[in-house]
C-alpha cells in the first residue's frame, strides 16, 4: 500500500501539469507500445514531469512514470523501458512488474501498490490532453 507521504493523485505531485495540457496526437504514439514523455512544467529539463502513455489502437492510458517503490522513473531512456504490450510494464531499477490495464504492481517489491493514473481526453482530431482531475469526496 502507498505510504502516508506518497501522493495518491497525479495532481498532488510537484510540478504536475495542468488539466488541458496537450500531450500528443494519438497517431504520433506507436500502437502497442509504452511511450515515455517528459513535460517541462516549471522545473526545466532538469526536473520534468514524467509520464507513460500506453497505446492500444484508439485507446491510450497514462500513468505517472514513477515507481512506487523507489520514486524514480521506470526507465531512464525510452530504449530501456521494458514492456509487454497489453500485458505489463516493468521497472528496470528493481524489476517490479505493473499491469498494463491499471498500473497495479503484480510482482516485485511493491506488490499491491500501483502507478499513479492520469486521466486523458482524446479530441475528435486525435489530440491527446490531460483531463480535469476528479477530486474524490472523502
N, C-alpha and C. Protein backbone atom coordinates (compact mmCIF):
# COMPACT_ATOMS: atom_id res chain seq x y z
N UNK A 1 0.83 -1.18 0.00
CA UNK A 1 0.00 0.00 0.00
C UNK A 1 0.88 1.25 0.00
N UNK A 2 0.38 2.36 -0.59
CA UNK A 2 1.18 3.57 -0.58
C UNK A 2 1.41 4.05 0.84
N UNK A 3 2.56 4.65 1.05
CA UNK A 3 2.85 5.21 2.36
C UNK A 3 2.11 6.52 2.52
N UNK A 4 2.01 7.01 3.75
CA UNK A 4 1.23 8.21 4.01
C UNK A 4 1.78 9.45 3.32
N UNK A 5 3.08 9.46 2.96
CA UNK A 5 3.63 10.62 2.27
C UNK A 5 3.67 10.42 0.75
N UNK A 6 3.12 9.35 0.25
CA UNK A 6 3.06 9.12 -1.19
C UNK A 6 1.75 9.67 -1.73
N UNK A 7 1.82 10.60 -2.68
CA UNK A 7 0.58 11.14 -3.25
C UNK A 7 -0.21 10.02 -3.93
N UNK A 8 -1.52 10.10 -3.81
CA UNK A 8 -2.39 9.13 -4.44
C UNK A 8 -2.85 9.65 -5.80
N UNK A 9 -2.90 10.96 -5.97
CA UNK A 9 -3.40 11.57 -7.19
C UNK A 9 -2.26 12.29 -7.92
N UNK A 10 -2.27 12.23 -9.24
CA UNK A 10 -1.22 12.84 -10.05
C UNK A 10 -1.08 14.33 -9.79
N UNK A 11 -2.20 15.03 -9.56
CA UNK A 11 -2.16 16.47 -9.41
C UNK A 11 -1.56 16.91 -8.07
N UNK A 12 -1.30 15.97 -7.16
CA UNK A 12 -0.67 16.29 -5.88
C UNK A 12 0.86 16.28 -5.98
N UNK A 13 1.38 15.80 -7.08
CA UNK A 13 2.83 15.71 -7.25
C UNK A 13 3.43 17.07 -7.59
N UNK A 14 4.68 17.29 -7.20
CA UNK A 14 5.35 18.54 -7.57
C UNK A 14 5.40 18.69 -9.09
N UNK A 15 5.14 19.91 -9.56
CA UNK A 15 5.20 20.27 -10.98
C UNK A 15 4.20 19.49 -11.83
N UNK A 16 3.10 19.05 -11.25
CA UNK A 16 2.08 18.33 -12.02
C UNK A 16 1.54 19.24 -13.12
N UNK A 17 1.35 18.71 -14.30
CA UNK A 17 0.80 19.52 -15.41
C UNK A 17 -0.66 19.88 -15.14
N UNK A 18 -1.09 20.97 -15.71
CA UNK A 18 -2.46 21.42 -15.55
C UNK A 18 -3.39 20.58 -16.42
N UNK A 19 -4.63 20.46 -15.97
CA UNK A 19 -5.64 19.84 -16.82
C UNK A 19 -5.70 20.63 -18.12
N UNK A 20 -5.87 19.93 -19.21
CA UNK A 20 -5.90 20.57 -20.52
C UNK A 20 -4.55 20.59 -21.21
N UNK A 21 -3.48 20.22 -20.50
CA UNK A 21 -2.16 20.18 -21.12
C UNK A 21 -2.17 19.20 -22.28
N UNK A 22 -1.78 19.67 -23.46
CA UNK A 22 -1.74 18.83 -24.65
C UNK A 22 -0.48 17.97 -24.59
N UNK A 23 -0.65 16.67 -24.83
CA UNK A 23 0.47 15.74 -24.75
C UNK A 23 0.99 15.28 -26.10
N UNK A 24 0.07 14.98 -27.01
CA UNK A 24 0.47 14.37 -28.27
C UNK A 24 -0.78 14.18 -29.11
N UNK A 25 -0.57 13.65 -30.28
CA UNK A 25 -1.67 13.13 -31.09
C UNK A 25 -1.63 11.62 -30.93
N UNK A 26 -2.77 10.98 -30.86
CA UNK A 26 -2.80 9.53 -30.75
C UNK A 26 -1.99 8.90 -31.89
N UNK A 27 -2.11 9.46 -33.08
CA UNK A 27 -1.40 8.90 -34.24
C UNK A 27 0.12 9.05 -34.15
N UNK A 28 0.61 9.92 -33.28
CA UNK A 28 2.06 10.07 -33.09
C UNK A 28 2.63 9.05 -32.11
N UNK A 29 1.75 8.32 -31.43
CA UNK A 29 2.19 7.29 -30.49
C UNK A 29 2.20 5.94 -31.19
N UNK A 30 3.29 5.20 -31.10
CA UNK A 30 3.31 3.87 -31.71
C UNK A 30 2.26 2.96 -31.07
N UNK A 31 1.50 2.28 -31.91
CA UNK A 31 0.48 1.36 -31.40
C UNK A 31 1.16 0.19 -30.71
N UNK A 32 0.52 -0.30 -29.66
CA UNK A 32 1.02 -1.43 -28.89
C UNK A 32 2.38 -1.14 -28.24
N UNK A 33 2.56 0.10 -27.78
CA UNK A 33 3.82 0.46 -27.15
C UNK A 33 3.61 1.41 -25.99
N UNK A 34 4.49 1.33 -25.02
CA UNK A 34 4.55 2.29 -23.92
C UNK A 34 5.54 3.38 -24.33
N UNK A 35 5.11 4.62 -24.22
CA UNK A 35 5.94 5.74 -24.61
C UNK A 35 6.20 6.64 -23.41
N UNK A 36 7.46 6.92 -23.15
CA UNK A 36 7.84 7.83 -22.07
C UNK A 36 7.74 9.27 -22.57
N UNK A 37 7.25 10.14 -21.71
CA UNK A 37 7.12 11.54 -22.05
C UNK A 37 7.60 12.37 -20.86
N UNK A 38 8.44 13.37 -21.12
CA UNK A 38 8.93 14.26 -20.07
C UNK A 38 8.42 15.66 -20.37
N UNK A 39 7.60 16.19 -19.47
CA UNK A 39 7.00 17.51 -19.66
C UNK A 39 7.72 18.55 -18.83
N UNK A 40 8.04 19.68 -19.45
CA UNK A 40 8.59 20.81 -18.69
C UNK A 40 7.41 21.58 -18.12
N UNK A 41 7.18 21.43 -16.84
CA UNK A 41 6.07 22.11 -16.18
C UNK A 41 6.57 23.11 -15.14
N UNK A 42 7.74 23.65 -15.40
CA UNK A 42 8.30 24.65 -14.49
C UNK A 42 9.61 24.25 -13.87
N UNK A 43 9.99 23.00 -14.01
CA UNK A 43 11.25 22.54 -13.45
C UNK A 43 12.36 22.49 -14.48
N UNK A 44 12.04 22.89 -15.72
CA UNK A 44 13.03 22.85 -16.79
C UNK A 44 13.36 21.41 -17.17
N UNK A 45 14.36 21.27 -18.03
CA UNK A 45 14.74 19.93 -18.49
C UNK A 45 15.37 19.10 -17.38
N UNK A 46 15.86 19.76 -16.33
CA UNK A 46 16.48 19.03 -15.23
C UNK A 46 15.44 18.36 -14.32
N UNK A 47 14.23 18.89 -14.29
CA UNK A 47 13.19 18.35 -13.41
C UNK A 47 11.84 18.27 -14.14
N UNK A 48 11.76 17.42 -15.17
CA UNK A 48 10.49 17.31 -15.89
C UNK A 48 9.48 16.47 -15.11
N UNK A 49 8.23 16.55 -15.53
CA UNK A 49 7.18 15.67 -15.01
C UNK A 49 7.13 14.49 -15.96
N UNK A 50 7.32 13.28 -15.43
CA UNK A 50 7.43 12.08 -16.24
C UNK A 50 6.10 11.35 -16.38
N UNK A 51 5.73 11.04 -17.61
CA UNK A 51 4.52 10.28 -17.89
C UNK A 51 4.83 9.05 -18.72
N UNK A 52 3.97 8.06 -18.62
CA UNK A 52 3.98 6.89 -19.50
C UNK A 52 2.66 6.90 -20.24
N UNK A 53 2.70 6.80 -21.56
CA UNK A 53 1.50 6.71 -22.37
C UNK A 53 1.47 5.32 -22.98
N UNK A 54 0.39 4.58 -22.75
CA UNK A 54 0.26 3.21 -23.23
C UNK A 54 -0.84 3.17 -24.29
N UNK A 55 -0.46 2.90 -25.53
CA UNK A 55 -1.45 2.90 -26.61
C UNK A 55 -1.77 1.49 -27.07
N UNK A 56 -3.08 1.25 -27.20
CA UNK A 56 -3.61 0.02 -27.80
C UNK A 56 -4.71 0.47 -28.76
N UNK A 57 -4.38 0.54 -30.04
CA UNK A 57 -5.36 1.02 -31.01
C UNK A 57 -5.77 2.45 -30.71
N UNK A 58 -7.07 2.68 -30.60
CA UNK A 58 -7.58 4.02 -30.32
C UNK A 58 -7.54 4.36 -28.83
N UNK A 59 -7.25 3.39 -27.99
CA UNK A 59 -7.23 3.62 -26.54
C UNK A 59 -5.83 3.98 -26.06
N UNK A 60 -5.75 5.01 -25.22
CA UNK A 60 -4.47 5.42 -24.62
C UNK A 60 -4.70 5.57 -23.12
N UNK A 61 -3.81 4.96 -22.34
CA UNK A 61 -3.81 5.12 -20.89
C UNK A 61 -2.57 5.93 -20.52
N UNK A 62 -2.65 6.65 -19.41
CA UNK A 62 -1.49 7.40 -18.93
C UNK A 62 -1.28 7.14 -17.45
N UNK A 63 -0.01 7.03 -17.09
CA UNK A 63 0.40 6.88 -15.70
C UNK A 63 1.59 7.80 -15.46
N UNK A 64 1.73 8.25 -14.22
CA UNK A 64 2.95 8.95 -13.86
C UNK A 64 4.07 7.93 -13.94
N UNK A 65 5.15 8.28 -14.60
CA UNK A 65 6.29 7.38 -14.77
C UNK A 65 7.14 7.47 -13.52
N UNK A 66 6.67 6.78 -12.49
CA UNK A 66 7.32 6.84 -11.18
C UNK A 66 7.03 5.54 -10.42
N UNK A 67 8.06 4.78 -10.17
CA UNK A 67 7.91 3.53 -9.44
C UNK A 67 7.52 3.83 -8.00
N UNK A 68 6.47 3.19 -7.47
CA UNK A 68 6.08 3.47 -6.09
C UNK A 68 7.09 2.95 -5.06
N UNK A 69 7.99 2.08 -5.47
CA UNK A 69 8.98 1.54 -4.54
C UNK A 69 10.13 2.51 -4.31
N UNK A 70 10.71 3.04 -5.40
CA UNK A 70 11.85 3.95 -5.27
C UNK A 70 11.53 5.40 -5.59
N UNK A 71 10.39 5.67 -6.24
CA UNK A 71 10.04 7.03 -6.61
C UNK A 71 10.81 7.56 -7.80
N UNK A 72 11.40 6.68 -8.59
CA UNK A 72 12.15 7.08 -9.78
C UNK A 72 11.42 6.59 -11.01
N UNK A 73 11.70 7.18 -12.20
CA UNK A 73 11.08 6.67 -13.42
C UNK A 73 11.40 5.18 -13.64
N UNK A 74 10.50 4.48 -14.31
CA UNK A 74 10.69 3.05 -14.56
C UNK A 74 11.90 2.78 -15.45
N UNK A 75 12.29 3.77 -16.23
CA UNK A 75 13.48 3.66 -17.07
C UNK A 75 14.05 5.06 -17.29
N UNK A 76 15.34 5.13 -17.52
CA UNK A 76 15.98 6.42 -17.77
C UNK A 76 15.81 6.88 -19.21
N UNK A 77 15.66 5.93 -20.13
CA UNK A 77 15.52 6.22 -21.56
C UNK A 77 14.45 5.32 -22.15
N UNK A 78 13.82 5.79 -23.23
CA UNK A 78 12.79 5.01 -23.91
C UNK A 78 13.32 3.62 -24.30
N UNK A 79 14.56 3.56 -24.77
CA UNK A 79 15.12 2.28 -25.22
C UNK A 79 15.32 1.29 -24.07
N UNK A 80 15.29 1.77 -22.82
CA UNK A 80 15.47 0.90 -21.67
C UNK A 80 14.14 0.45 -21.05
N UNK A 81 13.04 1.00 -21.53
CA UNK A 81 11.74 0.67 -20.97
C UNK A 81 11.37 -0.76 -21.34
N UNK A 82 10.99 -1.54 -20.34
CA UNK A 82 10.64 -2.95 -20.53
C UNK A 82 9.12 -3.07 -20.49
N UNK A 83 8.53 -3.55 -21.59
CA UNK A 83 7.08 -3.71 -21.60
C UNK A 83 6.66 -4.88 -22.48
N UNK A 84 5.51 -5.44 -22.13
CA UNK A 84 4.84 -6.44 -22.96
C UNK A 84 3.50 -5.79 -23.31
N UNK A 85 3.36 -5.29 -24.53
CA UNK A 85 2.16 -4.56 -24.91
C UNK A 85 0.87 -5.29 -24.52
N UNK A 86 -0.03 -4.53 -23.92
CA UNK A 86 -1.30 -5.06 -23.49
C UNK A 86 -1.24 -5.90 -22.23
N UNK A 87 -0.03 -6.15 -21.72
CA UNK A 87 0.13 -7.04 -20.57
C UNK A 87 0.79 -6.35 -19.38
N UNK A 88 2.03 -5.87 -19.57
CA UNK A 88 2.76 -5.33 -18.41
C UNK A 88 3.83 -4.34 -18.80
N UNK A 89 4.27 -3.59 -17.78
CA UNK A 89 5.40 -2.67 -17.85
C UNK A 89 6.27 -3.04 -16.67
N UNK A 90 7.58 -3.06 -16.85
CA UNK A 90 8.48 -3.47 -15.78
C UNK A 90 9.47 -2.36 -15.45
N UNK A 91 9.65 -2.11 -14.16
CA UNK A 91 10.65 -1.15 -13.69
C UNK A 91 12.02 -1.76 -13.91
N UNK A 92 12.89 -1.05 -14.62
CA UNK A 92 14.21 -1.63 -14.85
C UNK A 92 15.21 -1.32 -13.74
N UNK A 93 14.74 -0.71 -12.65
CA UNK A 93 15.60 -0.50 -11.49
C UNK A 93 15.62 -1.75 -10.62
N UNK A 94 14.44 -2.29 -10.32
CA UNK A 94 14.38 -3.49 -9.46
C UNK A 94 13.38 -4.53 -9.99
N UNK A 95 12.91 -4.34 -11.21
CA UNK A 95 12.10 -5.32 -11.94
C UNK A 95 10.72 -5.59 -11.37
N UNK A 96 10.12 -4.62 -10.69
CA UNK A 96 8.71 -4.75 -10.32
C UNK A 96 7.90 -4.72 -11.61
N UNK A 97 6.87 -5.55 -11.68
CA UNK A 97 6.05 -5.63 -12.89
C UNK A 97 4.66 -5.08 -12.61
N UNK A 98 4.21 -4.17 -13.48
CA UNK A 98 2.93 -3.50 -13.34
C UNK A 98 2.00 -3.90 -14.48
N UNK A 99 0.72 -4.11 -14.15
CA UNK A 99 -0.26 -4.45 -15.19
C UNK A 99 -0.48 -3.27 -16.12
N UNK A 100 -0.53 -3.55 -17.40
CA UNK A 100 -0.77 -2.55 -18.44
C UNK A 100 -2.15 -1.93 -18.24
N UNK A 101 -3.14 -2.73 -17.87
CA UNK A 101 -4.52 -2.28 -17.81
C UNK A 101 -4.81 -1.26 -16.71
N UNK A 102 -4.14 -1.39 -15.56
CA UNK A 102 -4.45 -0.48 -14.45
C UNK A 102 -3.24 -0.01 -13.65
N UNK A 103 -2.04 -0.44 -14.01
CA UNK A 103 -0.83 0.02 -13.34
C UNK A 103 -0.54 -0.61 -12.00
N UNK A 104 -1.31 -1.61 -11.59
CA UNK A 104 -1.10 -2.25 -10.29
C UNK A 104 0.11 -3.17 -10.35
N UNK A 105 0.95 -3.10 -9.32
CA UNK A 105 2.15 -3.94 -9.24
C UNK A 105 1.72 -5.36 -8.89
N UNK A 106 2.10 -6.31 -9.74
CA UNK A 106 1.73 -7.71 -9.51
C UNK A 106 2.93 -8.58 -9.20
N UNK A 107 4.14 -8.00 -9.26
CA UNK A 107 5.33 -8.78 -8.96
C UNK A 107 6.46 -7.82 -8.58
N UNK A 108 7.15 -8.12 -7.48
CA UNK A 108 8.28 -7.29 -7.07
C UNK A 108 8.07 -6.69 -5.68
N UNK A 109 8.91 -5.72 -5.35
CA UNK A 109 8.94 -5.12 -4.02
C UNK A 109 7.69 -4.31 -3.66
N UNK A 110 6.87 -3.96 -4.63
CA UNK A 110 5.73 -3.08 -4.35
C UNK A 110 4.40 -3.73 -4.70
N UNK A 111 4.29 -5.04 -4.55
CA UNK A 111 3.05 -5.75 -4.87
C UNK A 111 1.88 -5.09 -4.15
N UNK A 112 0.81 -4.84 -4.90
CA UNK A 112 -0.38 -4.22 -4.34
C UNK A 112 -0.41 -2.71 -4.49
N UNK A 113 0.74 -2.09 -4.64
CA UNK A 113 0.79 -0.66 -4.90
C UNK A 113 0.59 -0.48 -6.40
N UNK A 114 0.67 0.73 -6.87
CA UNK A 114 0.47 0.91 -8.30
C UNK A 114 1.02 2.21 -8.82
N UNK A 115 1.10 2.27 -10.14
CA UNK A 115 1.45 3.52 -10.81
C UNK A 115 0.27 4.47 -10.65
N UNK A 116 0.55 5.75 -10.63
CA UNK A 116 -0.49 6.75 -10.45
C UNK A 116 -1.11 7.08 -11.80
N UNK A 117 -2.43 6.82 -11.96
CA UNK A 117 -3.07 7.09 -13.25
C UNK A 117 -3.28 8.59 -13.48
N UNK A 118 -3.25 8.98 -14.76
CA UNK A 118 -3.51 10.35 -15.16
C UNK A 118 -4.66 10.28 -16.18
N UNK A 119 -5.77 10.97 -15.92
CA UNK A 119 -6.91 10.91 -16.84
C UNK A 119 -6.62 11.66 -18.14
N UNK A 120 -7.11 11.10 -19.23
CA UNK A 120 -6.88 11.68 -20.55
C UNK A 120 -8.19 11.99 -21.26
N UNK A 121 -8.09 12.91 -22.20
CA UNK A 121 -9.18 13.23 -23.11
C UNK A 121 -8.60 13.11 -24.52
N UNK A 122 -9.33 12.42 -25.38
CA UNK A 122 -8.93 12.33 -26.78
C UNK A 122 -9.96 13.10 -27.60
N UNK A 123 -9.51 14.17 -28.24
CA UNK A 123 -10.40 15.00 -29.06
C UNK A 123 -10.74 14.28 -30.36
N UNK A 124 -11.74 14.77 -31.05
CA UNK A 124 -12.19 14.17 -32.31
C UNK A 124 -11.06 14.09 -33.33
N UNK A 125 -10.12 15.05 -33.28
CA UNK A 125 -9.00 15.04 -34.23
C UNK A 125 -7.83 14.18 -33.76
N UNK A 126 -8.00 13.50 -32.62
CA UNK A 126 -6.96 12.61 -32.11
C UNK A 126 -5.99 13.27 -31.15
N UNK A 127 -6.18 14.57 -30.89
CA UNK A 127 -5.29 15.25 -29.95
C UNK A 127 -5.54 14.74 -28.54
N UNK A 128 -4.46 14.44 -27.86
CA UNK A 128 -4.50 13.84 -26.52
C UNK A 128 -4.09 14.90 -25.50
N UNK A 129 -4.92 15.07 -24.46
CA UNK A 129 -4.59 16.03 -23.42
C UNK A 129 -5.01 15.48 -22.06
N UNK A 130 -4.53 16.13 -21.02
CA UNK A 130 -4.85 15.72 -19.65
C UNK A 130 -6.24 16.21 -19.31
N UNK A 131 -7.07 15.30 -18.81
CA UNK A 131 -8.44 15.64 -18.41
C UNK A 131 -8.43 16.35 -17.07
N UNK A 132 -9.54 16.97 -16.76
CA UNK A 132 -9.69 17.61 -15.46
C UNK A 132 -9.65 16.56 -14.38
N UNK A 133 -9.01 16.90 -13.29
CA UNK A 133 -8.89 15.98 -12.16
C UNK A 133 -10.24 15.84 -11.47
N UNK A 134 -10.58 14.62 -11.16
CA UNK A 134 -11.78 14.37 -10.35
C UNK A 134 -11.33 14.17 -8.93
N UNK A 135 -11.67 15.10 -8.08
CA UNK A 135 -11.27 15.02 -6.67
C UNK A 135 -12.32 14.20 -5.93
N UNK A 136 -11.92 13.05 -5.40
CA UNK A 136 -12.89 12.19 -4.71
C UNK A 136 -13.37 12.84 -3.41
N UNK A 137 -14.60 12.54 -3.08
CA UNK A 137 -15.16 13.01 -1.81
C UNK A 137 -14.81 12.01 -0.74
N UNK A 138 -14.31 12.50 0.36
CA UNK A 138 -13.92 11.58 1.44
C UNK A 138 -14.86 11.67 2.59
